[in-house]
Amino acid sequence: MAMRWSGRKLVLAIGGSMISFTIFLCLLNSISFSCHCEEKEVREVLCCSDSRPIKKQQGEGELPQPTIYVITPTYKRMEQIPELTRLAQTLMHVPNLHWIVGDDTSEPNRHIVEYLSQTGIPHTYLLTPMPKQYRTRSKALPKGVANRNAGLKWLRKHATQGVVYFADDDNTYDIRIFEEIRRTKRVSAFPVGLVTSYGLSTPVVKNGSFFDWYDGWRGGRKFPVDMAGFAFSVPYLLQKPKAIMPYKAGFEEDGFLRSLQIDPKEVEFLADGCTKIYVWHTKTRPNKPSKKTILNTKYDGTNLRQLQKDMILEM
C-alpha cells in the first residue's frame, strides 16, 4: 500500500487501484501527559470528519441535543472489523454523535478508514500507538490508554459542549444507554453487566444516594468501576486540564476518575437509579489467523483473491 498527499486528500494506492479520502491531518507534536511517569509523546492524528451525520427530526421549540463523543480504542486483530461493525450498527441510530476511533498503530489501517467512511457516522480516526516502554512489559499491558488519552487531547482542542463516553469495541450496548448519558452534567455512572465473577459492576444506591460500589475486584480502588460504566461532560473535562488516564493496568478507570477530582457522592446515577443494565462487558472468542489454503494457485482468477486482501493469514 502506497500513500501520497494531494491537497487535503490522502490517496491510498492499494493493489493498483487508487482510493481517495477527504481528510485533514493534525500533527500533535511533543504532547505532554502528566500521569505517574511524566513523559513526552508524539502522536500523529488522522482526522476524517467528512461523513454525513444521521439526524432525527427535531420538534419545534426543542433545544438541540448535546453531542455525544464516543471514544473507542481498537487494535489490529482478526475480530477488529466485526467488532467495530457491531458497535457501528448501534451508533448509527444515535443522533448527534461523533465517533472518535483511536487505532493502536503508526500507519493508517485502510480497512478501518474505508469502513468508517461508509458508516455515515461523523467520526475522527486517530493513530495512537502504545508507547514502546509499555508495550515491552512482561506484566499486564495498559491497553487502550494511549488511544483514550489522544481522544481526550482531541476533545480539548475541538469541543466545548457535549458528553464523553469510553465505548470499547468488544462490548454490547443498548441504544438507551446513549440517551441516558446525554443527560450527564459532570460525571455519571450506571451498571455494566457480565463483569468479573460478580456478573455486575455498579454503584450501590440507597434511598437515592451513594452507598457503595459493587464490583468483583476492588483492588484498593476509590472507583472500582468498569470502563463502560461512566460518562462525563465536555465542560467538566475542560475544567480539569490535568485529567488523564494513567498507564497502570487495572487502575485506568480509577486513575482517570480520580484525576477528574469528583467525589463518589457527587456522581450522577443514571439508568433509573442504577436499576437497569444497558451495557454488557461481552467478549468475543479470539480467532487464530486463517490457514494459507486460500493462497493455492488453483484459486487464481477467482473471487478468493479479492477476499484474501481482507484476511489475516498465519505466518
Protein backbone atom coordinates (compact mmCIF):
# COMPACT_ATOMS: atom_id res chain seq x y z
CA MET A 1 0.00 0.00 0.00
CA ALA A 2 1.44 3.35 -1.05
CA MET A 3 0.24 6.75 0.18
CA ARG A 4 0.59 10.27 -1.10
CA TRP A 5 -0.94 13.61 -0.21
CA SER A 6 -2.91 15.62 -2.74
CA GLY A 7 -4.01 18.94 -1.23
CA ARG A 8 -6.46 17.99 1.51
CA LYS A 9 -6.77 14.40 0.37
CA LEU A 10 -4.88 11.30 1.39
CA VAL A 11 -4.65 8.98 -1.57
CA LEU A 12 -4.06 5.31 -0.82
CA ALA A 13 -2.78 3.11 -3.61
CA ILE A 14 -3.97 -0.42 -2.89
CA GLY A 15 -3.47 -3.28 -5.29
CA GLY A 16 -3.03 -0.91 -8.21
CA SER A 17 -6.26 1.00 -7.52
CA MET A 18 -6.42 4.49 -6.07
CA ILE A 19 -8.73 5.19 -3.13
CA SER A 20 -9.14 8.79 -2.07
CA PHE A 21 -10.35 10.02 1.31
CA THR A 22 -11.11 13.66 2.07
CA ILE A 23 -9.42 14.27 5.37
CA PHE A 24 -7.32 16.73 7.25
CA LEU A 25 -4.16 15.83 9.09
CA CYS A 26 -3.36 17.14 12.55
CA LEU A 27 0.09 16.56 13.97
CA LEU A 28 0.31 16.63 17.75
CA ASN A 29 3.99 17.11 18.43
CA SER A 30 5.54 16.55 21.87
CA ILE A 31 2.30 16.00 23.75
CA SER A 32 2.92 16.20 27.48
CA PHE A 33 0.91 13.79 29.64
CA SER A 34 1.09 14.31 33.40
CA CYS A 35 0.49 10.79 34.68
CA HIS A 36 2.52 8.62 37.06
CA CYS A 37 5.62 8.86 34.89
CA GLU A 38 5.84 12.27 33.28
CA GLU A 39 6.81 11.91 29.64
CA LYS A 40 6.54 13.46 26.24
CA GLU A 41 4.93 11.59 23.40
CA VAL A 42 4.50 12.29 19.73
CA ARG A 43 1.16 11.37 18.27
CA GLU A 44 0.06 11.58 14.66
CA VAL A 45 -3.63 12.24 14.41
CA LEU A 46 -5.58 11.46 11.26
CA CYS A 47 -8.97 13.16 11.32
CA CYS A 48 -11.68 12.01 8.94
CA SER A 49 -14.80 14.03 9.66
CA ASP A 50 -16.50 14.31 6.31
CA SER A 51 -19.19 11.67 6.86
CA ARG A 52 -22.78 12.82 6.74
CA PRO A 53 -24.37 12.81 10.20
CA ILE A 54 -27.52 10.80 10.84
CA LYS A 55 -30.10 13.08 12.42
CA LYS A 56 -33.56 12.72 13.87
CA GLN A 57 -36.22 15.32 13.26
CA GLN A 58 -36.16 17.92 16.00
CA GLY A 59 -39.53 19.15 17.19
CA GLU A 60 -40.39 22.83 17.02
CA GLY A 61 -39.14 24.67 20.07
CA GLU A 62 -36.92 21.79 21.21
CA LEU A 63 -33.38 22.59 22.34
CA PRO A 64 -30.55 20.90 20.41
CA GLN A 65 -29.42 17.65 21.99
CA PRO A 66 -25.88 17.66 23.43
CA THR A 67 -23.39 15.87 21.22
CA ILE A 68 -22.14 12.52 22.50
CA TYR A 69 -18.44 11.92 21.84
CA VAL A 70 -17.75 8.19 21.84
CA ILE A 71 -14.06 7.28 22.24
CA THR A 72 -13.27 3.75 21.08
CA PRO A 73 -9.76 2.23 21.32
CA THR A 74 -9.01 -0.54 18.83
CA TYR A 75 -6.09 -2.60 17.57
CA LYS A 76 -5.38 -4.96 14.68
CA ARG A 77 -6.72 -8.48 15.21
CA MET A 78 -8.98 -10.99 13.48
CA GLU A 79 -12.07 -9.60 15.23
CA GLN A 80 -11.35 -5.89 14.68
CA ILE A 81 -13.68 -5.17 11.76
CA PRO A 82 -16.51 -7.44 13.00
CA GLU A 83 -16.48 -5.81 16.43
CA LEU A 84 -16.31 -2.27 15.06
CA THR A 85 -19.16 -3.23 12.74
CA ARG A 86 -21.31 -4.41 15.63
CA LEU A 87 -20.69 -1.19 17.54
CA ALA A 88 -21.29 0.96 14.46
CA GLN A 89 -24.69 -0.66 13.86
CA THR A 90 -25.75 0.73 17.25
CA LEU A 91 -24.10 4.15 16.87
CA MET A 92 -25.82 4.65 13.50
CA HIS A 93 -29.10 5.03 15.36
CA VAL A 94 -27.86 7.61 17.88
CA PRO A 95 -28.44 11.25 16.83
CA ASN A 96 -25.87 14.00 17.44
CA LEU A 97 -22.95 11.63 17.95
CA HIS A 98 -19.29 11.90 16.98
CA TRP A 99 -17.20 8.72 16.98
CA ILE A 100 -13.51 9.03 17.89
CA VAL A 101 -11.67 5.83 16.96
CA GLY A 102 -8.12 5.51 18.32
CA ASP A 103 -6.15 2.84 16.48
CA ASP A 104 -3.07 1.25 18.10
CA THR A 105 -0.91 1.70 15.00
CA SER A 106 1.55 4.16 13.49
CA GLU A 107 0.18 3.74 9.96
CA PRO A 108 -3.41 4.21 8.74
CA ASN A 109 -5.32 0.92 8.51
CA ARG A 110 -7.10 1.12 5.15
CA HIS A 111 -9.75 -1.37 6.28
CA ILE A 112 -10.71 0.88 9.20
CA VAL A 113 -10.58 4.07 7.11
CA GLU A 114 -12.81 2.54 4.43
CA TYR A 115 -15.26 1.12 6.95
CA LEU A 116 -15.62 4.35 8.95
CA SER A 117 -16.17 6.32 5.75
CA GLN A 118 -19.08 4.15 4.66
CA THR A 119 -20.87 4.07 8.02
CA GLY A 120 -22.20 7.61 7.64
CA ILE A 121 -21.25 8.32 11.26
CA PRO A 122 -19.38 11.61 11.88
CA HIS A 123 -16.00 10.39 13.04
CA THR A 124 -12.35 11.08 13.73
CA TYR A 125 -9.70 8.41 13.18
CA LEU A 126 -6.61 8.74 15.39
CA LEU A 127 -3.28 6.98 15.06
CA THR A 128 -2.45 6.19 18.69
CA PRO A 129 0.26 3.52 19.12
CA MET A 130 1.06 2.37 22.65
CA PRO A 131 4.41 3.84 23.77
CA LYS A 132 7.25 1.32 23.42
CA GLN A 133 8.18 1.41 27.09
CA TYR A 134 4.77 -0.05 27.97
CA ARG A 135 4.46 -2.42 25.03
CA THR A 136 7.57 -4.39 26.05
CA ARG A 137 6.47 -5.03 29.63
CA SER A 138 6.17 -8.61 30.82
CA LYS A 139 3.30 -7.67 33.11
CA ALA A 140 -0.25 -6.75 32.07
CA LEU A 141 -0.28 -4.06 29.40
CA PRO A 142 -2.19 -0.77 29.86
CA LYS A 143 -4.24 -1.38 26.72
CA GLY A 144 -6.29 1.46 25.27
CA VAL A 145 -4.71 4.19 27.41
CA ALA A 146 -2.82 5.94 24.60
CA ASN A 147 -5.98 5.75 22.45
CA ARG A 148 -8.25 7.29 25.06
CA ASN A 149 -5.75 9.98 26.08
CA ALA A 150 -5.38 11.00 22.43
CA GLY A 151 -9.17 11.22 22.23
CA LEU A 152 -9.21 13.50 25.28
CA LYS A 153 -6.49 15.64 23.69
CA TRP A 154 -8.59 15.96 20.53
CA LEU A 155 -11.69 16.92 22.55
CA ARG A 156 -9.85 19.65 24.46
CA LYS A 157 -8.92 21.18 21.14
CA HIS A 158 -12.16 20.72 19.20
CA ALA A 159 -15.11 20.56 21.64
CA THR A 160 -16.68 22.90 24.19
CA GLN A 161 -20.01 21.17 24.89
CA GLY A 162 -21.34 17.62 24.94
CA VAL A 163 -20.78 14.36 26.79
CA VAL A 164 -17.90 11.85 26.55
CA TYR A 165 -18.18 8.07 26.78
CA PHE A 166 -15.45 5.41 26.54
CA ALA A 167 -17.07 2.67 24.45
CA ASP A 168 -14.82 -0.32 23.78
CA ASP A 169 -15.50 -2.22 20.58
CA ASP A 170 -15.98 -5.58 22.30
CA ASN A 171 -18.95 -4.52 24.44
CA THR A 172 -22.68 -4.72 23.72
CA TYR A 173 -24.76 -1.56 24.03
CA ASP A 174 -28.48 -0.99 24.33
CA ILE A 175 -29.27 2.23 22.44
CA ARG A 176 -30.93 3.56 25.59
CA ILE A 177 -27.55 3.97 27.31
CA PHE A 178 -26.70 6.84 24.97
CA GLU A 179 -29.88 8.75 25.73
CA GLU A 180 -29.16 8.21 29.42
CA ILE A 181 -25.60 9.58 29.32
CA ARG A 182 -26.69 12.57 27.23
CA ARG A 183 -28.13 13.99 30.48
CA THR A 184 -24.73 13.98 32.23
CA LYS A 185 -23.89 17.31 33.87
CA ARG A 186 -20.47 16.45 35.33
CA VAL A 187 -19.81 12.72 35.90
CA SER A 188 -22.42 9.97 35.71
CA ALA A 189 -22.33 6.23 36.49
CA PHE A 190 -24.53 3.22 35.75
CA PRO A 191 -24.48 -0.61 35.87
CA VAL A 192 -22.46 -2.80 33.49
CA GLY A 193 -23.38 -6.47 33.12
CA LEU A 194 -21.13 -9.54 32.73
CA VAL A 195 -18.22 -8.07 34.72
CA THR A 196 -15.99 -10.41 36.83
CA SER A 197 -17.39 -13.35 38.79
CA TYR A 198 -19.96 -11.00 40.31
CA GLY A 199 -21.54 -10.63 36.89
CA LEU A 200 -22.08 -6.95 37.53
CA SER A 201 -20.25 -3.70 38.22
CA THR A 202 -22.35 -0.83 39.54
CA PRO A 203 -22.70 1.92 42.11
CA VAL A 204 -24.79 0.79 45.07
CA VAL A 205 -27.57 3.33 45.62
CA LYS A 206 -29.62 3.53 48.82
CA ASN A 207 -32.50 5.95 49.24
CA GLY A 208 -31.32 7.82 46.15
CA SER A 209 -27.80 8.39 47.49
CA PHE A 210 -24.42 6.74 47.02
CA PHE A 211 -23.89 3.81 49.40
CA ASP A 212 -21.02 1.72 47.99
CA TRP A 213 -19.60 0.08 44.88
CA TYR A 214 -20.42 -3.45 43.76
CA ASP A 215 -17.58 -4.98 41.73
CA GLY A 216 -15.74 -8.30 41.75
CA TRP A 217 -12.34 -6.63 42.08
CA ARG A 218 -11.88 -3.72 44.47
CA GLY A 219 -8.07 -3.71 44.47
CA GLY A 220 -7.88 -0.68 46.76
CA ARG A 221 -9.56 1.45 44.10
CA LYS A 222 -11.57 4.50 45.08
CA PHE A 223 -13.65 3.97 41.93
CA PRO A 224 -13.97 0.20 41.30
CA VAL A 225 -15.90 0.60 38.05
CA ASP A 226 -15.83 -0.80 34.53
CA MET A 227 -14.68 1.42 31.64
CA ALA A 228 -18.18 1.25 30.16
CA GLY A 229 -19.82 2.27 33.45
CA PHE A 230 -19.37 6.04 33.48
CA ALA A 231 -19.57 9.18 31.34
CA PHE A 232 -18.53 12.81 31.81
CA SER A 233 -19.33 16.16 30.25
CA VAL A 234 -17.01 18.13 28.00
CA PRO A 235 -17.34 21.34 30.07
CA TYR A 236 -16.35 19.44 33.22
CA LEU A 237 -13.39 17.86 31.42
CA LEU A 238 -12.22 21.28 30.29
CA GLN A 239 -12.31 22.46 33.90
CA LYS A 240 -9.80 19.72 34.76
CA PRO A 241 -6.81 20.30 32.42
CA LYS A 242 -4.72 17.67 34.22
CA ALA A 243 -7.35 14.93 33.95
CA ILE A 244 -5.78 11.96 32.17
CA MET A 245 -5.77 8.17 32.19
CA PRO A 246 -2.68 6.57 33.79
CA TYR A 247 -0.60 3.85 32.18
CA LYS A 248 -1.35 1.45 35.02
CA ALA A 249 -3.09 -1.80 34.08
CA GLY A 250 -6.18 -2.41 36.18
CA PHE A 251 -6.28 1.13 37.51
CA GLU A 252 -7.09 3.04 34.32
CA GLU A 253 -10.68 3.90 35.30
CA ASP A 254 -9.82 4.65 38.91
CA GLY A 255 -6.88 6.87 37.97
CA PHE A 256 -8.87 8.81 35.42
CA LEU A 257 -11.86 9.40 37.70
CA ARG A 258 -9.53 10.48 40.49
CA SER A 259 -7.93 12.98 38.09
CA LEU A 260 -11.40 14.43 37.43
CA GLN A 261 -11.47 15.33 41.13
CA ILE A 262 -15.00 14.08 41.68
CA ASP A 263 -16.28 12.54 44.90
CA PRO A 264 -18.35 9.32 44.63
CA LYS A 265 -21.20 11.08 46.43
CA GLU A 266 -21.26 13.72 43.67
CA VAL A 267 -21.68 11.20 40.84
CA GLU A 268 -24.98 11.27 38.94
CA PHE A 269 -26.71 7.88 38.95
CA LEU A 270 -28.37 7.02 35.63
CA ALA A 271 -30.33 4.04 34.27
CA ASP A 272 -33.30 4.56 36.57
CA GLY A 273 -31.23 4.99 39.71
CA CYS A 274 -28.79 2.24 38.61
CA THR A 275 -31.59 -0.36 38.46
CA LYS A 276 -31.31 -1.09 34.72
CA ILE A 277 -28.48 -2.64 32.70
CA TYR A 278 -27.97 -1.10 29.25
CA VAL A 279 -24.38 -2.17 28.58
CA TRP A 280 -22.61 -5.53 28.89
CA HIS A 281 -18.91 -6.38 29.00
CA THR A 282 -19.16 -9.11 26.39
CA LYS A 283 -16.07 -10.75 24.93
CA THR A 284 -15.57 -12.27 21.51
CA ARG A 285 -13.64 -15.53 21.42
CA PRO A 286 -10.20 -14.81 19.92
CA ASN A 287 -9.73 -16.37 16.48
CA LYS A 288 -6.43 -17.67 15.16
CA PRO A 289 -5.08 -16.34 11.84
CA SER A 290 -6.54 -18.18 8.86
CA LYS A 291 -4.70 -21.03 7.19
CA LYS A 292 -2.88 -20.27 3.94
CA THR A 293 -5.05 -22.64 1.91
CA ILE A 294 -6.52 -19.65 0.10
CA LEU A 295 -3.08 -18.96 -1.45
CA ASN A 296 -3.27 -22.13 -3.57
CA THR A 297 -2.72 -21.16 -7.21
CA LYS A 298 -5.84 -23.06 -8.26
CA TYR A 299 -7.81 -20.13 -6.84
CA ASP A 300 -6.08 -17.58 -9.09
CA GLY A 301 -8.60 -15.59 -11.09
CA THR A 302 -11.44 -16.29 -8.64
CA ASN A 303 -13.25 -14.16 -6.06
CA LEU A 304 -10.96 -15.56 -3.36
CA ARG A 305 -8.17 -13.25 -4.48
CA GLN A 306 -10.35 -10.26 -3.56
CA LEU A 307 -11.46 -11.76 -0.25
CA GLN A 308 -7.86 -12.62 0.60
CA LYS A 309 -7.00 -8.93 0.87
CA ASP A 310 -9.23 -8.57 3.92
CA MET A 311 -7.89 -11.62 5.75
CA ILE A 312 -5.15 -12.14 8.31
CA LEU A 313 -3.20 -15.28 7.40
CA GLU A 314 -0.99 -17.38 9.65
CA MET A 315 2.74 -16.74 9.39
